C-alpha atoms as a PDB file:
ATOM      1  CA  UNK A   1      93.211  88.711  96.498  1.00  0.00           C
ATOM      2  CA  UNK A   2      94.381  91.875  94.798  1.00  0.00           C
ATOM      3  CA  UNK A   3      96.692  94.514  96.207  1.00  0.00           C
ATOM      4  CA  UNK A   4      95.268  97.596  97.937  1.00  0.00           C
ATOM      5  CA  UNK A   5      94.581 100.382  95.422  1.00  0.00           C
ATOM      6  CA  UNK A   6      96.029 103.670  96.670  1.00  0.00           C
ATOM      7  CA  UNK A   7      93.844 106.712  96.000  1.00  0.00           C
ATOM      8  CA  UNK A   8      95.797 109.530  97.651  1.00  0.00           C
ATOM      9  CA  UNK A   9      98.979 109.898  99.701  1.00  0.00           C
ATOM     10  CA  UNK A  10      99.789 112.734 102.100  1.00  0.00           C
ATOM     11  CA  UNK A  11     103.428 113.314 101.111  1.00  0.00           C
ATOM     12  CA  UNK A  12     103.766 116.389 103.306  1.00  0.00           C
ATOM     13  CA  UNK A  13     102.925 114.377 106.440  1.00  0.00           C
ATOM     14  CA  UNK A  14     106.235 112.502 106.660  1.00  0.00           C
ATOM     15  CA  UNK A  15     108.100 115.733 105.902  1.00  0.00           C
ATOM     16  CA  UNK A  16     106.351 117.805 108.590  1.00  0.00           C
ATOM     17  CA  UNK A  17     105.819 115.132 111.285  1.00  0.00           C
ATOM     18  CA  UNK A  18     107.518 112.228 113.038  1.00  0.00           C
ATOM     19  CA  UNK A  19     105.086 109.302 112.711  1.00  0.00           C
ATOM     20  CA  UNK A  20     105.050 107.297 115.962  1.00  0.00           C
ATOM     21  CA  UNK A  21     102.319 104.780 115.203  1.00  0.00           C
ATOM     22  CA  UNK A  22      99.916 103.961 112.344  1.00  0.00           C
ATOM     23  CA  UNK A  23      96.288 102.806 112.390  1.00  0.00           C
ATOM     24  CA  UNK A  24      93.831 101.658 109.749  1.00  0.00           C
ATOM     25  CA  UNK A  25      90.268 102.979 109.851  1.00  0.00           C
ATOM     26  CA  UNK A  26      87.203 102.689 107.656  1.00  0.00           C
ATOM     27  CA  UNK A  27      85.358 105.797 106.468  1.00  0.00           C
ATOM     28  CA  UNK A  28      81.627 106.488 106.274  1.00  0.00           C
ATOM     29  CA  UNK A  29      81.019 107.744 102.715  1.00  0.00           C
ATOM     30  CA  UNK A  30      78.098 108.534 100.434  1.00  0.00           C
ATOM     31  CA  UNK A  31      77.712 106.898  97.022  1.00  0.00           C
ATOM     32  CA  UNK A  32      78.960 109.899  95.050  1.00  0.00           C
ATOM     33  CA  UNK A  33      82.055 110.069  97.290  1.00  0.00           C
ATOM     34  CA  UNK A  34      82.898 106.428  96.574  1.00  0.00           C
ATOM     35  CA  UNK A  35      82.490 107.010  92.820  1.00  0.00           C
ATOM     36  CA  UNK A  36      84.751 110.052  93.017  1.00  0.00           C
ATOM     37  CA  UNK A  37      87.365 108.065  94.986  1.00  0.00           C
ATOM     38  CA  UNK A  38      87.289 105.311  92.371  1.00  0.00           C
ATOM     39  CA  UNK A  39      88.228 108.044  89.864  1.00  0.00           C
ATOM     40  CA  UNK A  40      91.144 108.945  92.176  1.00  0.00           C
ATOM     41  CA  UNK A  41      89.856 112.437  92.936  1.00  0.00           C
ATOM     42  CA  UNK A  42      90.872 113.042  96.543  1.00  0.00           C
ATOM     43  CA  UNK A  43      93.368 115.263  98.331  1.00  0.00           C
ATOM     44  CA  UNK A  44      94.716 114.760 101.878  1.00  0.00           C
ATOM     45  CA  UNK A  45      96.631 118.045 102.029  1.00  0.00           C
ATOM     46  CA  UNK A  46      95.963 120.017 105.256  1.00  0.00           C
ATOM     47  CA  UNK A  47      93.669 117.292 106.614  1.00  0.00           C
ATOM     48  CA  UNK A  48      93.628 115.795 110.094  1.00  0.00           C
ATOM     49  CA  UNK A  49      91.534 113.587 112.355  1.00  0.00           C
ATOM     50  CA  UNK A  50      89.982 114.512 115.671  1.00  0.00           C
ATOM     51  CA  UNK A  51      88.041 112.719 118.362  1.00  0.00           C
ATOM     52  CA  UNK A  52      84.900 114.497 119.534  1.00  0.00           C
ATOM     53  CA  UNK A  53      81.879 113.142 121.433  1.00  0.00           C
ATOM     54  CA  UNK A  54      83.413 109.655 121.461  1.00  0.00           C
ATOM     55  CA  UNK A  55      83.654 109.528 117.648  1.00  0.00           C
ATOM     56  CA  UNK A  56      86.673 109.836 115.370  1.00  0.00           C
ATOM     57  CA  UNK A  57      86.179 112.321 112.532  1.00  0.00           C
ATOM     58  CA  UNK A  58      88.270 112.983 109.434  1.00  0.00           C
ATOM     59  CA  UNK A  59      88.372 116.739 108.821  1.00  0.00           C
ATOM     60  CA  UNK A  60      89.257 118.767 105.728  1.00  0.00           C
ATOM     61  CA  UNK A  61      89.778 115.864 103.287  1.00  0.00           C
ATOM     62  CA  UNK A  62      88.842 117.102  99.831  1.00  0.00           C
ATOM     63  CA  UNK A  63      86.902 114.570  97.730  1.00  0.00           C
ATOM     64  CA  UNK A  64      85.887 116.239  94.467  1.00  0.00           C
ATOM     65  CA  UNK A  65      82.203 116.188  93.509  1.00  0.00           C
ATOM     66  CA  UNK A  66      81.209 113.398  91.114  1.00  0.00           C
ATOM     67  CA  UNK A  67      79.809 115.155  88.023  1.00  0.00           C
ATOM     68  CA  UNK A  68      77.250 112.506  86.921  1.00  0.00           C
ATOM     69  CA  UNK A  69      75.652 112.599  90.401  1.00  0.00           C
ATOM     70  CA  UNK A  70      74.374 116.149  89.694  1.00  0.00           C
ATOM     71  CA  UNK A  71      72.059 117.264  92.517  1.00  0.00           C
ATOM     72  CA  UNK A  72      72.669 114.139  94.626  1.00  0.00           C
ATOM     73  CA  UNK A  73      76.292 115.199  95.067  1.00  0.00           C
ATOM     74  CA  UNK A  74      78.255 115.637  98.299  1.00  0.00           C
ATOM     75  CA  UNK A  75      80.019 118.577  99.912  1.00  0.00           C
ATOM     76  CA  UNK A  76      83.724 118.381  98.966  1.00  0.00           C
ATOM     77  CA  UNK A  77      85.360 119.007 102.374  1.00  0.00           C
ATOM     78  CA  UNK A  78      82.743 117.822 104.859  1.00  0.00           C
ATOM     79  CA  UNK A  79      83.790 115.997 108.045  1.00  0.00           C
ATOM     80  CA  UNK A  80      83.584 112.225 107.653  1.00  0.00           C
ATOM     81  CA  UNK A  81      83.150 109.690 110.433  1.00  0.00           C
ATOM     82  CA  UNK A  82      85.942 107.142 110.909  1.00  0.00           C
ATOM     83  CA  UNK A  83      85.145 103.555 111.818  1.00  0.00           C
ATOM     84  CA  UNK A  84      87.303 102.443 114.745  1.00  0.00           C
ATOM     85  CA  UNK A  85      86.688 100.099 117.668  1.00  0.00           C
ATOM     86  CA  UNK A  86      85.764 101.756 120.961  1.00  0.00           C
ATOM     87  CA  UNK A  87      88.998 100.615 122.639  1.00  0.00           C
ATOM     88  CA  UNK A  88      91.039 102.082 119.741  1.00  0.00           C
ATOM     89  CA  UNK A  89      89.235 105.428 120.072  1.00  0.00           C
ATOM     90  CA  UNK A  90      89.803 105.451 123.852  1.00  0.00           C
ATOM     91  CA  UNK A  91      93.484 104.580 123.410  1.00  0.00           C
ATOM     92  CA  UNK A  92      93.945 107.291 120.774  1.00  0.00           C
ATOM     93  CA  UNK A  93      92.141 109.843 122.929  1.00  0.00           C
ATOM     94  CA  UNK A  94      94.528 109.105 125.786  1.00  0.00           C
ATOM     95  CA  UNK A  95      97.547 109.524 123.523  1.00  0.00           C
ATOM     96  CA  UNK A  96      96.200 112.698 121.885  1.00  0.00           C
ATOM     97  CA  UNK A  97      95.917 114.349 125.280  1.00  0.00           C
ATOM     98  CA  UNK A  98      99.703 114.033 125.462  1.00  0.00           C
ATOM     99  CA  UNK A  99     101.283 117.342 124.531  1.00  0.00           C
ATOM    100  CA  UNK A 100     102.131 117.800 120.881  1.00  0.00           C
ATOM    101  CA  UNK A 101     100.541 114.667 119.367  1.00  0.00           C
ATOM    102  CA  UNK A 102      98.106 114.810 116.474  1.00  0.00           C
ATOM    103  CA  UNK A 103      96.314 112.356 114.195  1.00  0.00           C
ATOM    104  CA  UNK A 104      97.201 112.760 110.501  1.00  0.00           C
ATOM    105  CA  UNK A 105      95.833 110.790 107.511  1.00  0.00           C
ATOM    106  CA  UNK A 106      98.802 109.329 105.633  1.00  0.00           C
ATOM    107  CA  UNK A 107      97.093 107.439 102.824  1.00  0.00           C
ATOM    108  CA  UNK A 108      93.612 106.830 101.430  1.00  0.00           C
ATOM    109  CA  UNK A 109      93.060 103.505  99.655  1.00  0.00           C
ATOM    110  CA  UNK A 110      90.696 100.672  98.755  1.00  0.00           C
ATOM    111  CA  UNK A 111      91.610  97.413 100.496  1.00  0.00           C
ATOM    112  CA  UNK A 112      91.503  93.977  98.849  1.00  0.00           C
ATOM    113  CA  UNK A 113      87.745  93.710  99.567  1.00  0.00           C
ATOM    114  CA  UNK A 114      87.074  97.055  97.870  1.00  0.00           C
ATOM    115  CA  UNK A 115      86.401  99.000 101.087  1.00  0.00           C
ATOM    116  CA  UNK A 116      87.650 102.584 101.417  1.00  0.00           C
ATOM    117  CA  UNK A 117      90.204 102.829 104.218  1.00  0.00           C
ATOM    118  CA  UNK A 118      92.433 105.546 105.596  1.00  0.00           C
ATOM    119  CA  UNK A 119      95.841 104.978 107.196  1.00  0.00           C
ATOM    120  CA  UNK A 120      96.205 107.328 110.166  1.00  0.00           C
ATOM    121  CA  UNK A 121      99.477 108.283 111.785  1.00  0.00           C
ATOM    122  CA  UNK A 122      99.895 109.334 115.402  1.00  0.00           C
ATOM    123  CA  UNK A 123     102.450 112.080 114.940  1.00  0.00           C
ATOM    124  CA  UNK A 124     104.323 114.933 116.557  1.00  0.00           C
ATOM    125  CA  UNK A 125     105.622 117.926 114.627  1.00  0.00           C
ATOM    126  CA  UNK A 126     109.142 118.332 113.327  1.00  0.00           C
ATOM    127  CA  UNK A 127     111.048 121.501 113.942  1.00  0.00           C
ATOM    128  CA  UNK A 128     112.933 123.258 111.154  1.00  0.00           C
ATOM    129  CA  UNK A 129     116.315 121.815 112.192  1.00  0.00           C
ATOM    130  CA  UNK A 130     114.818 118.291 112.231  1.00  0.00           C
ATOM    131  CA  UNK A 131     113.736 118.773 108.613  1.00  0.00           C
ATOM    132  CA  UNK A 132     117.204 119.971 107.619  1.00  0.00           C
ATOM    133  CA  UNK A 133     118.767 116.958 109.359  1.00  0.00           C
ATOM    134  CA  UNK A 134     116.440 114.577 107.491  1.00  0.00           C
ATOM    135  CA  UNK A 135     117.406 116.200 104.165  1.00  0.00           C
ATOM    136  CA  UNK A 136     121.133 115.806 104.987  1.00  0.00           C
ATOM    137  CA  UNK A 137     120.656 112.118 105.828  1.00  0.00           C
ATOM    138  CA  UNK A 138     118.685 111.499 102.623  1.00  0.00           C
ATOM    139  CA  UNK A 139     121.352 113.189 100.498  1.00  0.00           C
ATOM    140  CA  UNK A 140     124.107 111.187 102.239  1.00  0.00           C
ATOM    141  CA  UNK A 141     122.253 107.924 101.460  1.00  0.00           C
ATOM    142  CA  UNK A 142     121.895 108.978  97.812  1.00  0.00           C
ATOM    143  CA  UNK A 143     125.609 109.830  97.581  1.00  0.00           C
ATOM    144  CA  UNK A 144     126.671 106.450  98.994  1.00  0.00           C
ATOM    145  CA  UNK A 145     124.257 104.607  96.689  1.00  0.00           C
ATOM    146  CA  UNK A 146     125.579 106.594  93.721  1.00  0.00           C
ATOM    147  CA  UNK A 147     129.192 105.818  94.715  1.00  0.00           C
ATOM    148  CA  UNK A 148     128.418 102.113  95.060  1.00  0.00           C
ATOM    149  CA  UNK A 149     126.686 102.042  91.652  1.00  0.00           C
ATOM    150  CA  UNK A 150     129.508 103.885  89.916  1.00  0.00           C
ATOM    151  CA  UNK A 151     132.086 101.547  91.552  1.00  0.00           C
ATOM    152  CA  UNK A 152     130.160  98.525  90.274  1.00  0.00           C
ATOM    153  CA  UNK A 153     129.961  99.942  86.758  1.00  0.00           C
ATOM    154  CA  UNK A 154     133.750 100.244  86.465  1.00  0.00           C
ATOM    155  CA  UNK A 155     134.428  96.626  87.444  1.00  0.00           C
END
């Protein structure tokens, strides 16, 4: 089987949030949305998932209209239903009631069977000093890797 084909990644999510847990969910899409996703025309910026009326919904994901579909096209930022098992929805609902947790889409992709999936992260927000600390750690790792590489080059 082939590797999953990534459509869109929410790069801001790991910068703005601590990801505690990840989940995979299917998405209910129309035909023109699938065609647009196959062209790689999606954006996860400022999107989130919510649970309402016992259903998980993906909100504010921008999937560009598919030009050849003309009048049969879809609305770009409509809410889309997520396909999760009942026990997963109940478990997520219990965790989301905990103060400060939110459900963020991390990545949109086609799995090996060609189905559109979204990777969701159960996350809590980072504060400004947490972001600065993460940047310091990343730069320290880069410096050590650079020092190791330059030491190997001289030998």
